[in-house]
Every structure is written in structure tokens, then in C-alpha cells.
Amino acid sequence: MPDDKKDILFRPWKKLKSLQERNLRLFVTKHLYPFSPYYRRLFDKNKIKPGDIKSVEDLKRIPFTSKKDLVAVSDEEAARKNLDFILQPNKELIKKYLPKSELLKILCVKILKGDKYLTACLGKEYRPVFLTATSGTTGQPISFLYTKYDLDNLMLYGKRIMEIFKVESGERAVNVFPYAPHLAFWQTAFAGFSSNLFILSTGGGKTLGTDGNIRSILKVKPKFLIGVPDYVYHILKTARDQGHKMPFLNSIALGASRVPKGFKRKIADILTSMGARGVSVLGTYGFTEARAAWAECPTGIDVSSGYHTYPDKEIFEVIDPGTGEVKREGEDGEIVYSAIDCRGSSVFRYRTGDLVRGGITYSPCPHCARTVPRISSDIVRASNVKNLKLSKIKGTLVNLNNLEHLLDDTEEIDQWQIEIVKRNNDPYEVDQLILHISLSKDVNKEKFTAKLNQKAVSISEISFNKVSFVSKSDIRSKIEIESAVKAKKIIDKRPKV
């Protein structure tokens, strides 16, 4: 069963790393290689023996897995690929691949307890009973299955997140993540179950609508509000505009999207204007393939402690996205994830496609003293880095996340959306960036546009071809703030050639 020792995240890093590598060896030899069709083939193809993987440094021998290994082109292929990543023990695999010491333990259980007891134990540990799935915003949704063992881990991760947030037993929260088979919603729900925390899960905008969510918050009077950044911002801004006060609400936990400092300040300012004091706006990081999420500990609005990881359950690496070389502590690169204590759908040396500035830090957290590795909160999606050809003879590599941060940090902007189009909708014409914004205050639009484009050029070497000022209702409709799992902030409308 998943282990929860209260002080485990405060142990000296040397002891934590020793535990991590012990769990790595056990997982590879007892679970991953024997029972994962995909990874057993991968190991055999590359002449890797499970006993060869003894330390984190040995992971370099194992080829990466990425989303392309999970994505299918047909329903039939999707079913096969899903099964390929699920741990699937049976009598033949147990006899053939498990170490002799494990076979002896199983034999003893069988003799003492009988076949039915042994079958029930294996079913509880390995039989899938639950799933979450990717949202499909960047492609086909992919399902990841959980066994009872994995659900116990999800409970444990939720408990750890609440401890990192310094949530006390008996406090109240409202969860406005969309009700769906998505990790963010269920991680939040399980966090409440495991922490004796009352959480009202409203289902987000599609279920109750914004007014219904506001009524729920006013009735429950939670200390915590948890949800997708843009929708939480929309709820709070609407509540303020309606004249409501929320002095009880001073802690916001955000997930499913990056949370820049400027955005945190906007939310803190809204809450302060509604009577809240000592506001904390905390980010989380998670992805479906890990079936886990990680949290920042409370700091000032302008400071991030980084995401506190669980080294007894996983290994994170940061690599050069071009060469695959493992980077050193604190260096930029792509995040790679390996589960070392899971069942169900299991990924190993998985390239997340997430690029992190500041990499991983191994020194104790200066804010909470936990000794676990911490991932910098400055994370961007690799898929958001696009090559925008601004003329027929010159191309510019643009990190759209830099433009996101600029727009989120601009005080005068309420909500925004970027459209990437082709001039005259001609696939062979130049690319153009159209910015739609609603304003939070009156400005000289001509001067504001010039100043905004000047800043855009300084951080990305491009400017917006057109800035369109729209109403708050129009921008809400464009980004689908109440109906989409994530607000549609960047839309690529370029026609396919």
C-alpha cells in the first residue's frame, strides 16, 4: 500500500534520495519490466536488464517515452496502446519475470491464505477501477487508468498538497474546476477526502454558471477557492462588480494553467477590494500522465517556492529538449517524469513537453523547510513555441508564453485572446497576430496599443498586427470562459496547406 509518513518530506535529501533509488529498483524489477508490455519490449529491444537500473544516473540508458507513443490514429489502435502501458500481471508473467524472492512470498501467501485470497489481493493492487483523461486541447484525449493502489496514492498526494498549503482540518473550500474525468477536479476532491476538509465541488461554469458559483461561495464562506486561473479570476471579478464582499476568502489555489506573478497580483487586488486580508495565491502543477499534482507553499505574491515533489513516488529529470542530455541542478530544459510507485497506466522517462526555466532545485525550501526536489514554477508548454513567419523571407521563433505573461501583467487588460491567422486567409501569405482585449479601465486606445506593441517587440521581436478592443461579454464568449475546460486564450486559425 502507498506509504504516508508525516515527516517523509522533511528528511535529509541524502536519505530521501536513498529511499527514491530503493523504490526505483523495486519498481523496475517487480512491476514495470515484468508486467508492462510496452516497457518490457523497450528494455528487451535495447538490451537493458531490469537489474541494470540501480540509480537515477542509470536512467540515461533507457530511451524516452513521449506523447507520440500514446497517441493513436484509430479507436482500435487507441485500445491497444492504452493496454500497452497498463501493468498486467498473470500467472505466466509472474513465474517468468518476478525475482525468486517475490515468487517465494507469493507462494507463502497462497499456502497460508489460499488462491482466492491471493487473487483478491492482486485484483485490489492491479485491477483498473477509475480513469482520468487528457483534455484533448492539443490533440486526441488519452485515458490513464487507476487501480485501488493508485487511488490511495491520489489521496496521499491530496493530503500532501493540503499540508504544503498549510490548510487546517475542518476548513472549507469551494472547487470550481469543471466536473469531468480530468485530474485537476479529482485531485482536488481527493484532497478534501484525505484532509478532513469540507469541499463543495460546483462543477465549474458549465454546471452552475458564474452566478451560481458566486452564490455557492457566499453561502459556504470558504477560506479556499480552487480552480482554473481564468475562471477563478472571472468569478471574483464578477462578484466584485456585483458589489459582493468576501472577507472570509483569502487563499486561492490555481491549476491546469501557468500562473504568472502579474496574474496573482490581479487576483489578490480583487480579493483585497472585497475585504480579504493576507491573501495567498498559490499555483499547482500536474499532468494526466503522472496522475499526480504538486504545489507551491505559501509565500508572498511576487515569490514562488517552486513545486514540491514526492521523491518516494517519482523521479524528475530536466533534459536538453534537442539532445536529450540531462541538465544539472537549476538549468533550463524539458521536464521528464518517471513513476516509481504506481500501478495501472504507468509511464517511465516520459517527456512531458513542458519547458522549465530554472530547472530543479535540491536545497531545502527556504519557506517551509521541506527537503524534497522543487521544480521551478516558470513552466511553459513546448507546443506553445511556434515559428511565426512574419514575412516571406524572414522567420522569427516566438515563445507565445512571453506574450501571455505580458498581457496577464498589464494592469489595464481585463481578458484577452490571441488569434494567429494568415493575411486574407491565404495559406501562402504571411502570418499575422490579432489581439482581442477587454479593458479594466479607460485608456487612450491609440497610445495604449503603441505602448503594448513596443513591449511585445522587446520580449518577442514581433508586434500585434491588429489590436481589437471588445466588450467583456464578447471576450467571455470568445475564450469560452464558462464552457471550456481551459480558457481558449491562443487560437491558431491558419488554414492547412
Protein backbone atom coordinates (compact mmCIF):
# COMPACT_ATOMS: atom_id res chain seq x y z
CA MET A 1 0.00 0.00 0.00
CA PRO A 2 1.17 3.58 -0.54
CA ASP A 3 3.12 4.78 2.47
CA ASP A 4 2.38 8.08 4.23
CA LYS A 5 4.89 9.03 6.91
CA LYS A 6 4.25 12.55 8.09
CA ASP A 7 7.88 13.60 8.23
CA ILE A 8 8.98 11.99 4.96
CA LEU A 9 9.14 15.26 3.02
CA PHE A 10 11.38 16.78 5.70
CA ARG A 11 14.02 14.03 5.80
CA PRO A 12 17.58 14.97 4.78
CA TRP A 13 17.91 14.81 0.99
CA LYS A 14 20.58 12.10 1.25
CA LYS A 15 18.09 9.80 2.99
CA LEU A 16 15.28 10.76 0.62
CA LYS A 17 17.44 10.01 -2.41
CA SER A 18 18.39 6.63 -0.92
CA LEU A 19 14.69 5.83 -0.48
CA GLN A 20 13.97 7.06 -4.01
CA GLU A 21 16.58 4.77 -5.55
CA ARG A 22 15.42 1.81 -3.47
CA ASN A 23 11.87 2.34 -4.74
CA LEU A 24 13.21 2.76 -8.28
CA ARG A 25 14.95 -0.64 -8.16
CA LEU A 26 11.92 -2.38 -6.67
CA PHE A 27 9.51 -0.83 -9.15
CA VAL A 28 11.54 -1.70 -12.24
CA THR A 29 12.28 -5.30 -11.21
CA LYS A 30 8.96 -6.17 -9.54
CA HIS A 31 6.38 -4.22 -11.57
CA LEU A 32 7.47 -2.28 -14.65
CA TYR A 33 9.54 -4.87 -16.51
CA PRO A 34 7.50 -7.97 -15.57
CA PHE A 35 4.03 -6.53 -16.19
CA SER A 36 4.21 -3.61 -18.65
CA PRO A 37 4.01 -4.83 -22.28
CA TYR A 38 5.41 -1.56 -23.62
CA TYR A 39 8.40 -1.23 -21.30
CA ARG A 40 9.30 -4.90 -21.38
CA ARG A 41 9.59 -4.63 -25.18
CA LEU A 42 11.54 -1.38 -24.82
CA PHE A 43 14.00 -2.92 -22.36
CA ASP A 44 14.46 -6.06 -24.45
CA LYS A 45 14.91 -4.11 -27.69
CA ASN A 46 17.67 -2.02 -26.12
CA LYS A 47 19.25 -4.99 -24.28
CA ILE A 48 18.54 -3.47 -20.85
CA LYS A 49 18.12 -5.84 -17.92
CA PRO A 50 15.85 -4.62 -15.13
CA GLY A 51 18.64 -5.25 -12.62
CA ASP A 52 20.83 -2.77 -14.51
CA ILE A 53 18.69 0.16 -13.26
CA LYS A 54 20.02 0.79 -9.77
CA SER A 55 20.26 4.56 -9.53
CA VAL A 56 18.86 7.77 -11.03
CA GLU A 57 22.01 8.06 -13.14
CA ASP A 58 21.21 4.67 -14.73
CA LEU A 59 18.02 6.11 -16.23
CA LYS A 60 20.14 7.55 -19.05
CA ARG A 61 20.26 4.05 -20.52
CA ILE A 62 16.50 3.98 -21.08
CA PRO A 63 15.03 5.64 -24.21
CA PHE A 64 12.46 8.36 -23.66
CA THR A 65 8.71 7.88 -23.99
CA SER A 66 6.62 10.77 -25.31
CA LYS A 67 3.05 11.62 -26.20
CA LYS A 68 3.54 10.26 -29.72
CA ASP A 69 3.92 6.80 -28.18
CA LEU A 70 0.50 7.22 -26.56
CA VAL A 71 -1.48 8.85 -29.36
CA ALA A 72 -3.37 6.58 -31.76
CA VAL A 73 -4.86 7.17 -35.20
CA SER A 74 -7.86 4.85 -34.73
CA ASP A 75 -10.07 3.58 -31.91
CA GLU A 76 -8.64 0.09 -32.38
CA GLU A 77 -5.07 1.35 -32.07
CA ALA A 78 -6.05 3.52 -29.09
CA ALA A 79 -7.34 0.45 -27.22
CA ARG A 80 -4.10 -1.42 -27.92
CA LYS A 81 -1.88 1.48 -26.89
CA ASN A 82 -3.84 2.02 -23.68
CA LEU A 83 -3.35 -1.64 -22.76
CA ASP A 84 0.34 -1.46 -23.62
CA PHE A 85 1.00 0.96 -20.75
CA ILE A 86 -1.10 -0.85 -18.12
CA LEU A 87 0.64 -3.19 -15.67
CA GLN A 88 -0.93 -6.61 -16.33
CA PRO A 89 0.28 -9.49 -14.16
CA ASN A 90 -0.77 -13.07 -14.87
CA LYS A 91 0.48 -16.49 -13.78
CA GLU A 92 2.87 -16.88 -16.70
CA LEU A 93 4.46 -13.43 -16.30
CA ILE A 94 4.73 -13.84 -12.53
CA LYS A 95 6.55 -17.17 -12.90
CA LYS A 96 8.76 -15.95 -15.74
CA TYR A 97 9.86 -12.49 -14.65
CA LEU A 98 9.46 -11.92 -10.93
CA PRO A 99 12.59 -12.29 -8.76
CA LYS A 100 12.75 -15.58 -6.82
CA SER A 101 12.34 -13.76 -3.51
CA GLU A 102 8.99 -12.36 -4.70
CA LEU A 103 7.86 -15.73 -6.01
CA LEU A 104 8.57 -17.21 -2.59
CA LYS A 105 6.46 -14.54 -0.88
CA ILE A 106 3.56 -15.21 -3.26
CA LEU A 107 3.86 -18.96 -2.68
CA CYS A 108 3.75 -18.43 1.10
CA VAL A 109 0.58 -16.30 0.80
CA LYS A 110 -1.01 -18.93 -1.42
CA ILE A 111 -0.22 -21.73 1.05
CA LEU A 112 -1.33 -19.79 4.13
CA LYS A 113 -4.35 -17.90 2.74
CA GLY A 114 -5.41 -19.80 -0.38
CA ASP A 115 -5.91 -18.98 -4.06
CA LYS A 116 -8.98 -16.77 -3.57
CA TYR A 117 -7.21 -14.50 -1.09
CA LEU A 118 -4.18 -14.21 -3.38
CA THR A 119 -6.39 -13.40 -6.40
CA ALA A 120 -8.28 -10.77 -4.40
CA CYS A 121 -5.01 -9.12 -3.32
CA LEU A 122 -3.69 -9.00 -6.88
CA GLY A 123 -7.01 -7.62 -8.09
CA LYS A 124 -7.00 -4.85 -5.50
CA GLU A 125 -3.47 -3.87 -6.44
CA TYR A 126 -3.61 -4.19 -10.23
CA ARG A 127 -7.22 -4.14 -11.48
CA PRO A 128 -8.15 -0.72 -13.00
CA VAL A 129 -11.20 0.84 -11.33
CA PHE A 130 -11.03 4.53 -12.35
CA LEU A 131 -9.69 6.79 -15.07
CA THR A 132 -8.85 10.35 -15.88
CA ALA A 133 -8.05 11.64 -19.35
CA THR A 134 -6.18 14.44 -21.05
CA SER A 135 -8.42 17.33 -22.06
CA GLY A 136 -7.66 16.93 -25.76
CA THR A 137 -6.91 20.65 -26.20
CA THR A 138 -3.76 19.80 -28.17
CA GLY A 139 -4.91 16.53 -29.74
CA GLN A 140 -6.80 13.30 -29.12
CA PRO A 141 -7.76 12.72 -25.45
CA ILE A 142 -5.74 9.93 -23.82
CA SER A 143 -7.05 7.87 -20.90
CA PHE A 144 -4.97 6.87 -17.87
CA LEU A 145 -6.25 4.12 -15.59
CA TYR A 146 -6.01 3.86 -11.80
CA THR A 147 -6.17 0.82 -9.55
CA LYS A 148 -7.17 0.95 -5.88
CA TYR A 149 -3.44 1.30 -5.16
CA ASP A 150 -3.27 4.40 -7.38
CA LEU A 151 -6.37 5.92 -5.77
CA ASP A 152 -4.70 5.52 -2.37
CA ASN A 153 -1.74 7.43 -3.83
CA LEU A 154 -4.09 10.13 -5.18
CA MET A 155 -5.46 10.51 -1.65
CA LEU A 156 -1.91 10.76 -0.31
CA TYR A 157 -0.94 13.41 -2.88
CA GLY A 158 -4.04 15.41 -1.97
CA LYS A 159 -3.16 15.23 1.72
CA ARG A 160 0.39 16.36 1.00
CA ILE A 161 -0.81 19.27 -1.14
CA MET A 162 -3.07 20.49 1.65
CA GLU A 163 -0.23 20.20 4.15
CA ILE A 164 2.04 22.19 1.82
CA PHE A 165 -0.74 24.80 1.51
CA LYS A 166 -0.98 24.85 5.35
CA VAL A 167 -4.68 24.00 5.25
CA GLU A 168 -6.05 23.09 8.68
CA SER A 169 -8.51 20.27 9.29
CA GLY A 170 -12.11 21.46 9.32
CA GLU A 171 -11.62 24.44 7.00
CA ARG A 172 -13.89 24.97 4.00
CA ALA A 173 -13.16 25.25 0.27
CA VAL A 174 -15.04 25.60 -2.99
CA ASN A 175 -13.77 23.70 -6.03
CA VAL A 176 -14.77 25.31 -9.35
CA PHE A 177 -12.79 23.01 -11.64
CA PRO A 178 -15.06 21.66 -14.40
CA TYR A 179 -16.70 18.38 -13.44
CA ALA A 180 -15.08 15.93 -15.86
CA PRO A 181 -12.76 12.91 -15.88
CA HIS A 182 -9.80 15.26 -15.53
CA LEU A 183 -7.01 15.09 -12.97
CA ALA A 184 -7.48 18.63 -11.59
CA PHE A 185 -11.07 18.05 -10.48
CA TRP A 186 -10.44 14.66 -8.91
CA GLN A 187 -7.13 15.57 -7.26
CA THR A 188 -8.98 18.43 -5.55
CA ALA A 189 -11.85 16.17 -4.49
CA PHE A 190 -9.47 13.55 -3.09
CA ALA A 191 -7.51 16.27 -1.29
CA GLY A 192 -10.65 17.11 0.63
CA PHE A 193 -11.41 13.47 1.44
CA SER A 194 -7.90 12.85 2.77
CA SER A 195 -7.58 16.10 4.77
CA ASN A 196 -10.92 16.29 6.58
CA LEU A 197 -11.56 19.43 4.56
CA PHE A 198 -15.09 20.38 3.51
CA ILE A 199 -15.01 20.98 -0.24
CA LEU A 200 -18.04 21.94 -2.28
CA SER A 201 -17.35 20.92 -5.89
CA THR A 202 -19.63 23.02 -8.07
CA GLY A 203 -18.58 21.57 -11.42
CA GLY A 204 -17.46 24.96 -12.74
CA GLY A 205 -19.21 27.28 -15.15
CA LYS A 206 -20.99 24.64 -17.23
CA THR A 207 -22.84 23.24 -14.24
CA LEU A 208 -23.94 26.19 -12.07
CA GLY A 209 -22.87 29.14 -14.17
CA THR A 210 -20.98 32.11 -12.77
CA ASP A 211 -23.89 33.45 -10.70
CA GLY A 212 -24.48 30.01 -9.21
CA ASN A 213 -20.82 29.72 -8.27
CA ILE A 214 -20.89 33.15 -6.63
CA ARG A 215 -24.00 32.21 -4.63
CA SER A 216 -22.27 29.00 -3.52
CA ILE A 217 -19.17 30.89 -2.35
CA LEU A 218 -21.28 33.41 -0.43
CA LYS A 219 -23.23 30.59 1.23
CA VAL A 220 -20.28 28.31 2.13
CA LYS A 221 -17.92 31.19 3.05
CA PRO A 222 -14.77 29.20 2.20
CA LYS A 223 -11.24 30.18 3.07
CA PHE A 224 -10.04 28.46 -0.12
CA LEU A 225 -11.21 28.79 -3.72
CA ILE A 226 -9.72 26.25 -6.14
CA GLY A 227 -9.95 26.22 -9.93
CA VAL A 228 -8.66 27.16 -13.37
CA PRO A 229 -6.94 30.60 -13.28
CA ASP A 230 -9.07 32.40 -15.85
CA TYR A 231 -12.37 31.16 -14.47
CA VAL A 232 -11.45 31.95 -10.87
CA TYR A 233 -10.48 35.45 -11.99
CA HIS A 234 -13.79 35.77 -13.85
CA ILE A 235 -15.82 34.68 -10.81
CA LEU A 236 -14.06 37.05 -8.43
CA LYS A 237 -14.19 40.00 -10.82
CA THR A 238 -17.92 39.42 -11.44
CA ALA A 239 -18.60 39.14 -7.71
CA ARG A 240 -16.76 42.41 -7.08
CA ASP A 241 -18.62 44.15 -9.91
CA GLN A 242 -21.90 42.97 -8.35
CA GLY A 243 -20.89 44.63 -5.08
CA HIS A 244 -20.27 41.50 -3.00
CA LYS A 245 -17.82 41.33 -0.09
CA MET A 246 -15.75 38.20 0.62
CA PRO A 247 -13.59 38.87 3.70
CA PHE A 248 -13.61 35.14 4.52
CA LEU A 249 -11.82 34.19 1.28
CA ASN A 250 -8.06 34.77 1.39
CA SER A 251 -6.49 31.68 -0.20
CA ILE A 252 -6.67 30.84 -3.90
CA ALA A 253 -5.25 27.62 -5.37
CA LEU A 254 -4.94 27.50 -9.15
CA GLY A 255 -4.24 24.62 -11.52
CA ALA A 256 -4.37 23.41 -15.14
CA SER A 257 -2.54 26.53 -16.42
CA ARG A 258 0.56 28.52 -15.57
CA VAL A 259 0.07 31.33 -13.04
CA PRO A 260 2.37 34.33 -13.68
CA LYS A 261 3.10 36.85 -10.94
CA GLY A 262 1.10 39.60 -12.60
CA PHE A 263 -1.96 37.37 -12.68
CA LYS A 264 -1.54 36.55 -8.97
CA ARG A 265 -1.42 40.27 -8.21
CA LYS A 266 -4.64 40.89 -10.15
CA ILE A 267 -6.49 38.24 -8.13
CA ALA A 268 -5.02 39.47 -4.84
CA ASP A 269 -6.10 43.04 -5.65
CA ILE A 270 -9.67 41.94 -6.39
CA LEU A 271 -9.91 39.98 -3.13
CA THR A 272 -8.41 42.85 -1.14
CA SER A 273 -11.01 45.19 -2.61
CA MET A 274 -13.71 42.77 -1.36
CA GLY A 275 -12.42 42.85 2.22
CA ALA A 276 -9.95 39.95 2.31
CA ARG A 277 -6.66 40.30 4.20
CA GLY A 278 -3.40 38.38 3.98
CA VAL A 279 -4.25 36.95 0.56
CA SER A 280 -2.28 33.95 -0.79
CA VAL A 281 -2.48 32.92 -4.46
CA LEU A 282 -0.86 29.51 -4.92
CA GLY A 283 -0.05 27.60 -8.09
CA THR A 284 -0.09 23.87 -8.72
CA TYR A 285 1.48 21.77 -11.44
CA GLY A 286 0.16 18.44 -12.65
CA PHE A 287 -0.42 16.35 -15.74
CA THR A 288 -2.65 13.39 -16.52
CA GLU A 289 0.19 11.02 -17.34
CA ALA A 290 1.57 11.31 -13.80
CA ARG A 291 -1.84 11.02 -12.10
CA ALA A 292 -0.50 13.46 -9.54
CA ALA A 293 -0.15 17.18 -8.84
CA TRP A 294 2.39 19.27 -6.93
CA ALA A 295 2.05 22.55 -5.07
CA GLU A 296 3.84 25.72 -4.08
CA CYS A 297 4.00 26.52 -0.37
CA PRO A 298 2.65 29.90 0.82
CA THR A 299 4.94 32.86 0.08
CA GLY A 300 4.45 36.45 -0.93
CA ILE A 301 2.51 37.19 -4.13
CA ASP A 302 5.73 38.01 -6.01
CA VAL A 303 7.66 34.92 -4.85
CA SER A 304 7.27 31.27 -5.82
CA SER A 305 8.75 28.48 -3.72
CA GLY A 306 8.59 26.07 -6.67
CA TYR A 307 6.52 22.90 -6.91
CA HIS A 308 7.32 20.46 -4.09
CA THR A 309 7.70 16.94 -5.47
CA TYR A 310 7.38 13.44 -3.94
CA PRO A 311 10.74 11.68 -4.35
CA ASP A 312 9.43 8.46 -2.77
CA LYS A 313 6.91 8.18 -5.60
CA GLU A 314 8.64 9.60 -8.70
CA ILE A 315 11.80 10.84 -10.35
CA PHE A 316 12.03 14.11 -12.26
CA GLU A 317 14.79 14.94 -14.71
CA VAL A 318 15.37 18.07 -16.78
CA ILE A 319 16.86 17.46 -20.22
CA ASP A 320 18.05 19.44 -23.20
CA PRO A 321 14.99 19.19 -25.50
CA GLY A 322 17.24 18.97 -28.55
CA THR A 323 19.91 16.48 -27.48
CA GLY A 324 18.23 14.62 -24.60
CA GLU A 325 21.23 15.36 -22.35
CA VAL A 326 20.33 15.52 -18.65
CA LYS A 327 20.81 19.03 -17.30
CA ARG A 328 22.35 19.97 -13.96
CA GLU A 329 20.57 21.46 -10.95
CA GLY A 330 18.95 24.79 -11.75
CA GLU A 331 19.43 24.57 -15.52
CA ASP A 332 16.66 25.18 -18.04
CA GLY A 333 15.22 22.34 -20.09
CA GLU A 334 12.33 19.94 -20.66
CA ILE A 335 10.74 18.08 -17.75
CA VAL A 336 10.95 14.27 -17.84
CA TYR A 337 8.89 12.17 -15.43
CA SER A 338 9.24 8.58 -14.16
CA ALA A 339 6.74 6.95 -11.80
CA ILE A 340 8.37 4.59 -9.29
CA ASP A 341 5.39 3.58 -7.14
CA CYS A 342 2.28 3.12 -9.21
CA ARG A 343 0.07 0.53 -10.88
CA GLY A 344 -2.49 0.87 -13.68
CA SER A 345 -1.23 3.04 -16.56
CA SER A 346 2.46 3.67 -15.94
CA VAL A 347 4.90 5.89 -17.83
CA PHE A 348 8.67 5.96 -17.38
CA ARG A 349 11.18 8.54 -18.63
CA TYR A 350 8.23 10.38 -20.08
CA ARG A 351 8.94 13.62 -21.93
CA THR A 352 6.21 15.97 -20.77
CA GLY A 353 6.72 18.64 -23.42
CA ASP A 354 6.94 21.18 -20.57
CA LEU A 355 9.90 23.55 -20.63
CA VAL A 356 11.10 24.87 -17.28
CA ARG A 357 13.25 27.92 -16.63
CA GLY A 358 15.30 27.37 -13.51
CA GLY A 359 15.07 23.58 -13.63
CA ILE A 360 15.04 21.60 -10.39
CA THR A 361 16.42 22.73 -7.03
CA TYR A 362 17.59 20.20 -4.40
CA SER A 363 18.29 22.52 -1.46
CA PRO A 364 15.69 22.73 1.36
CA CYS A 365 12.80 25.09 0.72
CA PRO A 366 13.59 28.43 2.43
CA HIS A 367 9.88 28.95 3.16
CA CYS A 368 8.68 25.63 4.61
CA ALA A 369 11.97 23.69 5.14
CA ARG A 370 10.84 20.64 3.16
CA THR A 371 13.84 18.85 1.68
CA VAL A 372 12.24 17.49 -1.49
CA PRO A 373 13.32 18.49 -5.02
CA ARG A 374 11.43 21.59 -6.18
CA ILE A 375 10.56 22.34 -9.79
CA SER A 376 10.69 26.00 -10.81
CA SER A 377 7.20 27.41 -11.37
CA ASP A 378 8.37 29.08 -14.59
CA ILE A 379 7.00 26.34 -16.85
CA VAL A 380 5.79 26.71 -20.43
CA ARG A 381 4.36 24.25 -22.90
CA ALA A 382 6.76 23.33 -25.70
CA SER A 383 3.75 23.25 -28.04
CA ASN A 384 3.29 26.98 -27.40
CA VAL A 385 6.60 27.81 -29.05
CA LYS A 386 5.67 28.45 -32.67
CA ASN A 387 7.61 29.55 -35.70
CA LEU A 388 5.66 32.54 -36.98
CA LYS A 389 6.80 33.65 -40.47
CA LEU A 390 6.23 37.36 -40.38
CA SER A 391 7.34 37.85 -43.96
CA LYS A 392 8.07 35.65 -46.91
CA ILE A 393 11.81 35.98 -46.49
CA LYS A 394 12.34 36.02 -42.73
CA GLY A 395 11.00 33.88 -39.88
CA THR A 396 11.04 34.61 -36.17
CA LEU A 397 10.94 31.99 -33.40
CA VAL A 398 8.33 33.27 -30.95
CA ASN A 399 7.61 31.97 -27.45
CA LEU A 400 3.92 32.77 -27.11
CA ASN A 401 4.15 32.33 -23.36
CA ASN A 402 6.15 35.57 -23.18
CA LEU A 403 3.23 37.36 -24.79
CA GLU A 404 0.84 35.65 -22.35
CA HIS A 405 2.86 36.95 -19.42
CA LEU A 406 2.92 40.45 -20.88
CA LEU A 407 -0.86 40.51 -21.29
CA ASP A 408 -1.54 38.99 -17.86
CA ASP A 409 0.82 41.50 -16.24
CA THR A 410 -0.73 44.54 -17.95
CA GLU A 411 -2.96 46.24 -15.39
CA GLU A 412 -5.31 47.83 -17.94
CA ILE A 413 -6.20 44.47 -19.57
CA ASP A 414 -9.11 42.50 -18.15
CA GLN A 415 -9.26 39.48 -20.52
CA TRP A 416 -7.61 38.75 -23.84
CA GLN A 417 -7.32 36.33 -26.76
CA ILE A 418 -4.65 35.99 -29.46
CA GLU A 419 -5.59 34.72 -32.92
CA ILE A 420 -2.91 33.52 -35.33
CA VAL A 421 -4.16 33.96 -38.90
CA LYS A 422 -2.93 34.22 -42.46
CA ARG A 423 -3.33 37.51 -44.27
CA ASN A 424 -6.53 37.32 -46.34
CA ASN A 425 -6.89 33.71 -45.14
CA ASP A 426 -4.40 32.73 -47.85
CA PRO A 427 -2.28 29.73 -46.70
CA TYR A 428 0.71 31.06 -48.67
CA GLU A 429 0.53 34.57 -47.23
CA VAL A 430 2.33 35.91 -44.15
CA ASP A 431 1.30 35.13 -40.59
CA GLN A 432 -0.47 37.77 -38.53
CA LEU A 433 -1.24 38.12 -34.83
CA ILE A 434 -4.63 39.57 -33.91
CA LEU A 435 -5.15 40.56 -30.28
CA HIS A 436 -8.67 40.87 -28.82
CA ILE A 437 -8.84 42.54 -25.41
CA SER A 438 -11.39 43.85 -22.98
CA LEU A 439 -10.19 46.65 -20.72
CA SER A 440 -10.46 47.01 -16.96
CA LYS A 441 -10.12 50.80 -17.13
CA ASP A 442 -10.41 53.63 -19.64
CA VAL A 443 -7.30 54.33 -21.73
CA ASN A 444 -6.26 56.26 -24.82
CA LYS A 445 -6.53 53.27 -27.15
CA GLU A 446 -4.05 54.56 -29.73
CA LYS A 447 -1.35 55.29 -27.13
CA PHE A 448 -2.09 52.08 -25.25
CA THR A 449 -1.74 49.99 -28.44
CA ALA A 450 1.57 51.64 -29.33
CA LYS A 451 2.96 51.07 -25.82
CA LEU A 452 1.76 47.45 -25.76
CA ASN A 453 3.33 46.70 -29.14
CA GLN A 454 6.57 48.31 -28.04
CA LYS A 455 6.71 45.92 -25.06
CA ALA A 456 5.76 42.96 -27.29
CA VAL A 457 8.65 43.70 -29.64
CA SER A 458 11.10 43.97 -26.73
CA ILE A 459 10.27 40.49 -25.41
CA SER A 460 9.42 38.58 -28.60
CA GLU A 461 10.67 40.62 -31.58
CA ILE A 462 7.16 40.84 -33.04
CA SER A 463 4.17 43.11 -32.58
CA PHE A 464 0.44 42.56 -32.97
CA ASN A 465 -0.82 43.26 -36.46
CA LYS A 466 -4.17 44.36 -35.05
CA VAL A 467 -5.45 45.13 -31.56
CA SER A 468 -9.22 44.80 -31.31
CA PHE A 469 -10.99 46.29 -28.26
CA VAL A 470 -14.10 44.25 -27.43
CA SER A 471 -16.69 44.19 -24.68
CA LYS A 472 -16.41 41.97 -21.62
CA SER A 473 -19.29 39.81 -22.81
CA ASP A 474 -17.66 39.38 -26.25
CA ILE A 475 -14.31 38.31 -24.79
CA ARG A 476 -16.05 35.86 -22.43
CA SER A 477 -17.75 34.33 -25.45
CA LYS A 478 -14.50 34.17 -27.45
CA ILE A 479 -12.45 32.42 -24.78
CA GLU A 480 -15.42 30.23 -23.72
CA ILE A 481 -14.74 31.05 -20.09
CA GLU A 482 -17.76 29.13 -18.73
CA SER A 483 -17.88 26.14 -21.07
CA ALA A 484 -14.29 25.16 -21.94
CA VAL A 485 -12.07 23.08 -19.66
CA LYS A 486 -9.39 25.74 -20.15
CA ALA A 487 -10.00 29.23 -21.46
CA LYS A 488 -9.12 29.46 -25.16
CA LYS A 489 -6.55 32.23 -24.95
CA ILE A 490 -4.45 31.41 -28.05
CA ILE A 491 -6.22 30.24 -31.22
CA ASP A 492 -4.40 29.15 -34.37
CA LYS A 493 -6.72 29.83 -37.33
CA ARG A 494 -4.16 29.42 -40.09
CA PRO A 495 -5.56 27.28 -42.93
CA LYS A 496 -3.86 23.99 -43.69
CA VAL A 497 -1.84 23.89 -46.89
